[in-house]
């Protein structure tokens, strides 16, 4: 399970360190794809396979299903950690998520999100904890 918040940097080649905590279960290969929130989603192979199976089970006759598969599967790439524990984020995905130097890696359970630090701050305002509490209650948490 991926948890935690990591302030990281992309190097000039677009590589980012994967925290040792994320690699401790033997994960060195991941799938990276676009997220619906404007960031990137990083999946360990077992979790990616679960998502992929769910997407493949969607009916081809559904336009919404085809569109979702194009969005998620069409932009997905396999990435592998190098000897220093870094992955290379392809330029096309860096552009889609507006990633430059400062990035935020956020573990959210079965996957992690990669945000530009600026976008993360803009889109994730957690200052209203009362509103968050209401949202949690509405979700049965």
N, C-alpha and C. Protein backbone atom coordinates (compact mmCIF):
# COMPACT_ATOMS: atom_id res chain seq x y z
N UNK A 1 0.85 -1.17 0.00
CA UNK A 1 0.00 0.00 0.00
C UNK A 1 0.90 1.24 0.00
N UNK A 2 0.54 2.20 -0.83
CA UNK A 2 1.31 3.43 -0.94
C UNK A 2 0.70 4.50 -0.04
N UNK A 3 1.50 5.05 0.85
CA UNK A 3 1.05 6.14 1.71
C UNK A 3 2.18 7.16 1.84
N UNK A 4 1.81 8.34 2.26
CA UNK A 4 2.80 9.37 2.53
C UNK A 4 2.87 10.43 1.44
N UNK A 5 3.52 11.51 1.82
CA UNK A 5 3.68 12.68 0.95
C UNK A 5 5.17 12.93 0.79
N UNK A 6 5.62 13.01 -0.45
CA UNK A 6 7.05 13.16 -0.74
C UNK A 6 7.26 14.34 -1.68
N UNK A 7 8.04 15.30 -1.25
CA UNK A 7 8.41 16.43 -2.10
C UNK A 7 9.70 16.03 -2.82
N UNK A 8 9.61 15.92 -4.14
CA UNK A 8 10.72 15.41 -4.94
C UNK A 8 11.05 16.36 -6.07
N UNK A 9 12.13 16.07 -6.76
CA UNK A 9 12.54 16.85 -7.92
C UNK A 9 12.71 15.94 -9.12
N UNK A 10 12.33 16.45 -10.28
CA UNK A 10 12.66 15.79 -11.54
C UNK A 10 14.03 16.29 -11.95
N UNK A 11 14.86 15.39 -12.45
CA UNK A 11 16.15 15.86 -12.97
C UNK A 11 15.95 16.34 -14.41
N UNK A 12 17.00 16.78 -15.05
CA UNK A 12 16.89 17.36 -16.39
C UNK A 12 16.43 16.36 -17.44
N UNK A 13 16.55 15.07 -17.14
CA UNK A 13 16.10 14.03 -18.08
C UNK A 13 14.68 13.57 -17.79
N UNK A 14 14.06 14.13 -16.75
CA UNK A 14 12.69 13.75 -16.41
C UNK A 14 12.61 12.54 -15.49
N UNK A 15 13.68 12.27 -14.75
CA UNK A 15 13.68 11.13 -13.83
C UNK A 15 13.30 11.59 -12.43
N UNK A 16 12.61 10.70 -11.73
CA UNK A 16 12.16 10.98 -10.37
C UNK A 16 12.47 9.78 -9.48
N UNK A 17 12.93 10.05 -8.29
CA UNK A 17 13.22 9.00 -7.31
C UNK A 17 11.91 8.39 -6.80
N UNK A 18 11.88 7.07 -6.73
CA UNK A 18 10.77 6.37 -6.08
C UNK A 18 11.24 6.07 -4.65
N UNK A 19 10.50 6.52 -3.64
CA UNK A 19 10.95 6.30 -2.26
C UNK A 19 11.18 4.81 -1.97
N UNK A 20 12.16 4.55 -1.13
CA UNK A 20 12.48 3.16 -0.76
C UNK A 20 11.26 2.45 -0.19
N UNK A 21 10.42 3.16 0.52
CA UNK A 21 9.20 2.58 1.10
C UNK A 21 8.31 1.98 0.01
N UNK A 22 8.27 2.60 -1.15
CA UNK A 22 7.44 2.11 -2.25
C UNK A 22 8.08 0.89 -2.92
N UNK A 23 9.38 0.76 -2.76
CA UNK A 23 10.11 -0.34 -3.41
C UNK A 23 10.38 -1.50 -2.47
N UNK A 24 10.03 -1.37 -1.19
CA UNK A 24 10.42 -2.38 -0.22
C UNK A 24 9.73 -3.73 -0.39
N UNK A 25 8.60 -3.78 -1.06
CA UNK A 25 7.94 -5.06 -1.33
C UNK A 25 8.46 -5.71 -2.61
N UNK A 26 9.60 -5.23 -3.07
CA UNK A 26 10.20 -5.81 -4.27
C UNK A 26 9.73 -5.15 -5.56
N UNK A 27 8.94 -4.09 -5.44
CA UNK A 27 8.46 -3.41 -6.64
C UNK A 27 9.58 -2.57 -7.24
N UNK A 28 9.89 -2.84 -8.48
CA UNK A 28 10.85 -2.01 -9.20
C UNK A 28 10.27 -1.60 -10.55
N UNK A 29 9.15 -2.20 -10.92
CA UNK A 29 8.48 -1.86 -12.17
C UNK A 29 7.07 -1.39 -11.84
N UNK A 30 6.64 -0.35 -12.52
CA UNK A 30 5.35 0.27 -12.27
C UNK A 30 4.67 0.60 -13.59
N UNK A 31 3.39 0.93 -13.53
CA UNK A 31 2.70 1.51 -14.66
C UNK A 31 2.34 2.93 -14.29
N UNK A 32 2.51 3.81 -15.24
CA UNK A 32 2.27 5.23 -15.08
C UNK A 32 1.26 5.64 -16.13
N UNK A 33 0.24 6.39 -15.71
CA UNK A 33 -0.78 6.84 -16.66
C UNK A 33 -1.37 8.17 -16.19
N UNK A 34 -2.21 8.73 -17.04
CA UNK A 34 -2.88 9.98 -16.69
C UNK A 34 -3.96 9.72 -15.65
N UNK A 35 -4.17 10.69 -14.80
CA UNK A 35 -5.22 10.64 -13.80
C UNK A 35 -6.36 11.55 -14.24
N UNK A 36 -7.53 11.31 -13.70
CA UNK A 36 -8.67 12.16 -14.00
C UNK A 36 -8.56 13.53 -13.32
N UNK A 37 -7.60 13.68 -12.40
CA UNK A 37 -7.45 14.93 -11.66
C UNK A 37 -6.36 15.85 -12.20
N UNK A 38 -5.74 15.50 -13.31
CA UNK A 38 -4.71 16.35 -13.89
C UNK A 38 -3.30 16.02 -13.43
N UNK A 39 -3.17 14.97 -12.64
CA UNK A 39 -1.85 14.50 -12.22
C UNK A 39 -1.57 13.19 -12.95
N UNK A 40 -0.56 12.46 -12.51
CA UNK A 40 -0.29 11.13 -13.04
C UNK A 40 -0.55 10.11 -11.94
N UNK A 41 -0.93 8.91 -12.34
CA UNK A 41 -1.14 7.81 -11.40
C UNK A 41 -0.06 6.77 -11.60
N UNK A 42 0.51 6.30 -10.51
CA UNK A 42 1.58 5.31 -10.51
C UNK A 42 1.07 4.06 -9.81
N UNK A 43 1.09 2.93 -10.53
CA UNK A 43 0.58 1.67 -10.00
C UNK A 43 1.69 0.62 -9.95
N UNK A 44 1.75 -0.14 -8.86
CA UNK A 44 2.56 -1.35 -8.84
C UNK A 44 1.88 -2.34 -9.78
N UNK A 45 2.64 -3.26 -10.34
CA UNK A 45 2.11 -4.19 -11.34
C UNK A 45 0.86 -4.93 -10.87
N UNK A 46 0.81 -5.50 -9.66
CA UNK A 46 -0.40 -6.22 -9.26
C UNK A 46 -1.66 -5.35 -9.27
N UNK A 47 -1.55 -4.11 -8.81
CA UNK A 47 -2.70 -3.21 -8.80
C UNK A 47 -3.06 -2.77 -10.21
N UNK A 48 -2.05 -2.57 -11.05
CA UNK A 48 -2.31 -2.20 -12.44
C UNK A 48 -3.09 -3.31 -13.14
N UNK A 49 -2.71 -4.55 -12.92
CA UNK A 49 -3.40 -5.67 -13.56
C UNK A 49 -4.86 -5.72 -13.16
N UNK A 50 -5.17 -5.42 -11.90
CA UNK A 50 -6.56 -5.38 -11.44
C UNK A 50 -7.34 -4.29 -12.19
N UNK A 51 -6.75 -3.11 -12.29
CA UNK A 51 -7.41 -2.01 -12.99
C UNK A 51 -7.58 -2.35 -14.46
N UNK A 52 -6.55 -2.89 -15.06
CA UNK A 52 -6.59 -3.24 -16.48
C UNK A 52 -7.69 -4.27 -16.76
N UNK A 53 -7.82 -5.26 -15.89
CA UNK A 53 -8.88 -6.27 -16.06
C UNK A 53 -10.26 -5.63 -15.99
N UNK A 54 -10.45 -4.71 -15.05
CA UNK A 54 -11.74 -4.02 -14.94
C UNK A 54 -12.04 -3.21 -16.19
N UNK A 55 -11.03 -2.52 -16.70
CA UNK A 55 -11.23 -1.72 -17.91
C UNK A 55 -11.50 -2.60 -19.12
N UNK A 56 -10.79 -3.70 -19.23
CA UNK A 56 -10.97 -4.60 -20.37
C UNK A 56 -12.35 -5.27 -20.34
N UNK A 57 -12.94 -5.39 -19.15
CA UNK A 57 -14.26 -6.01 -19.03
C UNK A 57 -15.40 -5.07 -19.42
N UNK A 58 -15.08 -3.79 -19.58
CA UNK A 58 -16.13 -2.84 -19.97
C UNK A 58 -16.60 -3.15 -21.39
N UNK A 59 -17.88 -2.91 -21.67
CA UNK A 59 -18.41 -3.25 -23.00
C UNK A 59 -17.86 -2.33 -24.10
N UNK A 60 -17.42 -2.95 -25.18
CA UNK A 60 -16.92 -2.17 -26.32
C UNK A 60 -18.02 -1.35 -26.98
N UNK A 61 -19.26 -1.72 -26.72
CA UNK A 61 -20.38 -1.00 -27.33
C UNK A 61 -20.68 0.31 -26.61
N UNK A 62 -20.06 0.52 -25.46
CA UNK A 62 -20.28 1.75 -24.70
C UNK A 62 -19.25 2.80 -25.10
N UNK A 63 -19.75 3.93 -25.59
CA UNK A 63 -18.86 5.02 -25.98
C UNK A 63 -18.08 5.55 -24.77
N UNK A 64 -18.75 5.63 -23.62
CA UNK A 64 -18.08 6.11 -22.40
C UNK A 64 -16.95 5.17 -22.00
N UNK A 65 -17.19 3.87 -22.13
CA UNK A 65 -16.15 2.89 -21.78
C UNK A 65 -14.96 3.00 -22.72
N UNK A 66 -15.23 3.15 -24.00
CA UNK A 66 -14.13 3.29 -24.97
C UNK A 66 -13.32 4.55 -24.69
N UNK A 67 -14.01 5.62 -24.36
CA UNK A 67 -13.33 6.88 -24.07
C UNK A 67 -12.45 6.75 -22.82
N UNK A 68 -12.97 6.10 -21.78
CA UNK A 68 -12.20 5.90 -20.56
C UNK A 68 -10.98 5.03 -20.82
N UNK A 69 -11.14 3.97 -21.61
CA UNK A 69 -10.02 3.09 -21.93
C UNK A 69 -8.95 3.85 -22.72
N UNK A 70 -9.38 4.69 -23.65
CA UNK A 70 -8.42 5.50 -24.40
C UNK A 70 -7.62 6.40 -23.46
N UNK A 71 -8.33 7.01 -22.54
CA UNK A 71 -7.71 7.97 -21.63
C UNK A 71 -6.69 7.28 -20.71
N UNK A 72 -7.10 6.18 -20.10
CA UNK A 72 -6.23 5.53 -19.11
C UNK A 72 -5.23 4.58 -19.76
N UNK A 73 -5.71 3.66 -20.58
CA UNK A 73 -4.81 2.67 -21.18
C UNK A 73 -3.98 3.27 -22.31
N UNK A 74 -4.56 4.21 -23.03
CA UNK A 74 -3.85 4.81 -24.16
C UNK A 74 -2.63 5.62 -23.76
N UNK A 75 -2.63 6.12 -22.55
CA UNK A 75 -1.48 6.92 -22.09
C UNK A 75 -0.58 6.14 -21.14
N UNK A 76 -0.91 4.89 -20.86
CA UNK A 76 -0.15 4.10 -19.88
C UNK A 76 1.19 3.64 -20.43
N UNK A 77 2.20 3.71 -19.58
CA UNK A 77 3.53 3.22 -19.93
C UNK A 77 4.10 2.45 -18.74
N UNK A 78 4.88 1.45 -19.07
CA UNK A 78 5.61 0.69 -18.06
C UNK A 78 6.91 1.44 -17.78
N UNK A 79 7.21 1.63 -16.51
CA UNK A 79 8.45 2.29 -16.11
C UNK A 79 9.16 1.41 -15.10
N UNK A 80 10.48 1.38 -15.19
CA UNK A 80 11.26 0.54 -14.30
C UNK A 80 12.30 1.38 -13.58
N UNK A 81 12.49 1.10 -12.30
CA UNK A 81 13.49 1.82 -11.52
C UNK A 81 14.89 1.47 -12.02
N UNK A 82 15.73 2.49 -12.12
CA UNK A 82 17.13 2.24 -12.44
C UNK A 82 17.86 1.87 -11.14
N UNK A 83 19.16 1.74 -11.20
CA UNK A 83 19.94 1.32 -10.03
C UNK A 83 19.87 2.32 -8.88
N UNK A 84 19.55 3.57 -9.19
CA UNK A 84 19.42 4.60 -8.16
C UNK A 84 17.98 4.74 -7.65
N UNK A 85 17.08 3.88 -8.13
CA UNK A 85 15.69 3.93 -7.69
C UNK A 85 14.85 5.00 -8.37
N UNK A 86 15.28 5.43 -9.56
CA UNK A 86 14.56 6.48 -10.29
C UNK A 86 13.77 5.87 -11.44
N UNK A 87 12.65 6.51 -11.76
CA UNK A 87 11.91 6.17 -12.98
C UNK A 87 12.00 7.35 -13.93
N UNK A 88 11.91 7.05 -15.21
CA UNK A 88 11.88 8.09 -16.23
C UNK A 88 10.43 8.34 -16.60
N UNK A 89 9.97 9.56 -16.40
CA UNK A 89 8.60 9.93 -16.77
C UNK A 89 8.66 10.47 -18.20
N UNK A 90 7.99 9.81 -19.14
CA UNK A 90 8.05 10.27 -20.53
C UNK A 90 7.58 11.72 -20.68
N UNK A 91 8.19 12.41 -21.63
CA UNK A 91 7.89 13.83 -21.85
C UNK A 91 6.40 14.08 -22.06
N UNK A 92 5.73 13.21 -22.82
CA UNK A 92 4.31 13.42 -23.10
C UNK A 92 3.49 13.41 -21.81
N UNK A 93 3.84 12.54 -20.87
CA UNK A 93 3.12 12.52 -19.60
C UNK A 93 3.52 13.69 -18.71
N UNK A 94 4.77 14.08 -18.76
CA UNK A 94 5.19 15.28 -18.00
C UNK A 94 4.41 16.50 -18.50
N UNK A 95 4.25 16.59 -19.80
CA UNK A 95 3.50 17.72 -20.37
C UNK A 95 2.04 17.69 -19.95
N UNK A 96 1.41 16.51 -20.00
CA UNK A 96 -0.01 16.39 -19.65
C UNK A 96 -0.26 16.81 -18.20
N UNK A 97 0.66 16.46 -17.31
CA UNK A 97 0.50 16.78 -15.88
C UNK A 97 1.21 18.08 -15.50
N UNK A 98 1.78 18.76 -16.48
CA UNK A 98 2.50 20.02 -16.26
C UNK A 98 3.61 19.86 -15.21
N UNK A 99 4.33 18.75 -15.30
CA UNK A 99 5.43 18.50 -14.37
C UNK A 99 6.68 19.21 -14.85
N UNK A 100 7.30 19.92 -13.94
CA UNK A 100 8.57 20.56 -14.25
C UNK A 100 9.60 20.03 -13.26
N UNK A 101 10.15 20.86 -12.44
CA UNK A 101 11.20 20.40 -11.51
C UNK A 101 10.62 19.89 -10.18
N UNK A 102 9.82 20.71 -9.52
CA UNK A 102 9.28 20.37 -8.20
C UNK A 102 8.01 19.55 -8.35
N UNK A 103 8.03 18.34 -7.78
CA UNK A 103 6.86 17.46 -7.87
C UNK A 103 6.50 16.93 -6.49
N UNK A 104 5.27 16.48 -6.39
CA UNK A 104 4.75 15.88 -5.16
C UNK A 104 4.32 14.46 -5.50
N UNK A 105 4.86 13.50 -4.77
CA UNK A 105 4.44 12.10 -4.89
C UNK A 105 3.58 11.82 -3.67
N UNK A 106 2.36 11.42 -3.90
CA UNK A 106 1.40 11.23 -2.82
C UNK A 106 0.86 9.81 -2.86
N UNK A 107 1.14 9.03 -1.82
CA UNK A 107 0.61 7.68 -1.74
C UNK A 107 -0.85 7.73 -1.31
N UNK A 108 -1.73 7.12 -2.10
CA UNK A 108 -3.16 7.16 -1.79
C UNK A 108 -3.76 5.75 -1.74
N UNK A 109 -2.99 4.81 -1.21
CA UNK A 109 -3.51 3.45 -1.05
C UNK A 109 -2.96 2.50 -2.09
N UNK A 110 -3.83 2.09 -3.02
CA UNK A 110 -3.41 1.10 -4.01
C UNK A 110 -2.65 1.71 -5.18
N UNK A 111 -2.49 3.01 -5.18
CA UNK A 111 -1.68 3.69 -6.20
C UNK A 111 -1.13 4.98 -5.60
N UNK A 112 -0.30 5.66 -6.36
CA UNK A 112 0.26 6.94 -5.93
C UNK A 112 -0.02 7.98 -7.01
N UNK A 113 -0.06 9.22 -6.61
CA UNK A 113 -0.26 10.32 -7.56
C UNK A 113 1.01 11.15 -7.64
N UNK A 114 1.30 11.61 -8.85
CA UNK A 114 2.44 12.50 -9.08
C UNK A 114 1.89 13.83 -9.58
N UNK A 115 2.08 14.85 -8.80
CA UNK A 115 1.57 16.19 -9.10
C UNK A 115 2.73 17.16 -9.30
N UNK A 116 2.48 18.20 -10.09
CA UNK A 116 3.40 19.33 -10.01
C UNK A 116 3.11 19.95 -8.64
N UNK A 117 4.12 20.40 -7.94
CA UNK A 117 3.90 20.96 -6.60
C UNK A 117 2.90 22.10 -6.63
N UNK A 118 2.98 22.91 -7.66
CA UNK A 118 2.08 24.06 -7.79
C UNK A 118 0.63 23.61 -7.98
N UNK A 119 0.40 22.66 -8.87
CA UNK A 119 -0.96 22.16 -9.11
C UNK A 119 -1.54 21.50 -7.87
N UNK A 120 -0.70 20.76 -7.16
CA UNK A 120 -1.17 20.09 -5.96
C UNK A 120 -1.69 21.11 -4.95
N UNK A 121 -0.94 22.17 -4.73
CA UNK A 121 -1.36 23.19 -3.77
C UNK A 121 -2.64 23.88 -4.22
N UNK A 122 -2.77 24.14 -5.52
CA UNK A 122 -3.96 24.81 -6.05
C UNK A 122 -5.21 23.95 -5.94
N UNK A 123 -5.09 22.67 -6.23
CA UNK A 123 -6.26 21.79 -6.34
C UNK A 123 -6.59 21.03 -5.07
N UNK A 124 -5.75 21.08 -4.07
CA UNK A 124 -5.96 20.29 -2.86
C UNK A 124 -5.87 21.16 -1.62
N UNK A 125 -6.91 21.92 -1.40
CA UNK A 125 -6.98 22.78 -0.22
C UNK A 125 -7.67 22.00 0.90
N UNK A 126 -6.92 21.66 1.91
CA UNK A 126 -7.47 20.89 3.03
C UNK A 126 -7.65 21.76 4.27
N UNK A 127 -7.80 23.07 4.07
CA UNK A 127 -7.92 23.96 5.22
C UNK A 127 -9.28 23.86 5.90
N UNK A 128 -10.31 23.44 5.17
CA UNK A 128 -11.65 23.32 5.74
C UNK A 128 -11.88 21.88 6.19
N UNK A 129 -11.41 21.57 7.39
CA UNK A 129 -11.54 20.20 7.88
C UNK A 129 -12.98 19.83 8.21
N UNK A 130 -13.81 20.83 8.50
CA UNK A 130 -15.23 20.53 8.74
C UNK A 130 -15.87 19.99 7.47
N UNK A 131 -15.53 20.57 6.35
CA UNK A 131 -16.06 20.10 5.07
C UNK A 131 -15.56 18.68 4.78
N UNK A 132 -14.29 18.43 5.07
CA UNK A 132 -13.74 17.08 4.90
C UNK A 132 -14.47 16.08 5.79
N UNK A 133 -14.76 16.47 7.02
CA UNK A 133 -15.48 15.59 7.95
C UNK A 133 -16.86 15.25 7.40
N UNK A 134 -17.55 16.23 6.84
CA UNK A 134 -18.87 15.99 6.24
C UNK A 134 -18.75 15.05 5.05
N UNK A 135 -17.72 15.25 4.23
CA UNK A 135 -17.51 14.37 3.09
C UNK A 135 -17.26 12.94 3.54
N UNK A 136 -16.45 12.78 4.58
CA UNK A 136 -16.16 11.44 5.11
C UNK A 136 -17.43 10.78 5.62
N UNK A 137 -18.23 11.55 6.33
CA UNK A 137 -19.48 11.01 6.86
C UNK A 137 -20.40 10.59 5.71
N UNK A 138 -20.46 11.41 4.68
CA UNK A 138 -21.29 11.09 3.52
C UNK A 138 -20.84 9.84 2.79
N UNK A 139 -19.55 9.49 2.94
CA UNK A 139 -19.01 8.29 2.31
C UNK A 139 -19.02 7.10 3.25
N UNK A 140 -19.54 7.30 4.46
CA UNK A 140 -19.61 6.20 5.42
C UNK A 140 -18.31 5.90 6.12
N UNK A 141 -17.43 6.90 6.22
CA UNK A 141 -16.13 6.69 6.87
C UNK A 141 -16.16 7.28 8.27
